[in-house]
Amino acid sequence: QVQFVESGGGLVQPGGSLRLSCVVSGGTLRDYAIGWFRQAPGKEREGVSCIDRSGGSTYYVDSVKGRFTISRDSTMSTSYLQMNSLKPEDTAVYYCAARPKYAYVCKADSKDYNHWGQGTQVTVSS
């Protein structure tokens, strides 16, 4: 059974950087479009970024444009979310998700994803 596992979260000061990783096991990364979502306490889950199967098309929510970069490395079976210039409002649990196998394009809505990681906490605070 395919699984997606996130890592890389932690506590960082405002203006700092973190790189989140999402490793796939039991499957092949190139078969999946990948999305990154986040959920802060008391808020709905939000689509942060996504990348299609080829890596040729990406999406970013307006609040992270210019600060976050999504990528994928099929040789490492890993998708990354590089987060720079972090702000306190970026504090949330971040989730990696995958669309149904062979679905090519990525989507910003969580309902379009059926594989989810367990989440990793990102806290931005001084």
Foldseek 3Di string as FASTA:
>chain_A
DKAWAKDWADEAAQQAKIKMKIAIPPDFQLQWKKWKWWDDPPDDIWTAKTAFSVRPDMDGDPVQPPFWDWGDDRVRRMIMIIGGRDDQVVWTWMKMFTAPGNPGDDDGDPVRTDHIYPTDTHGYHD
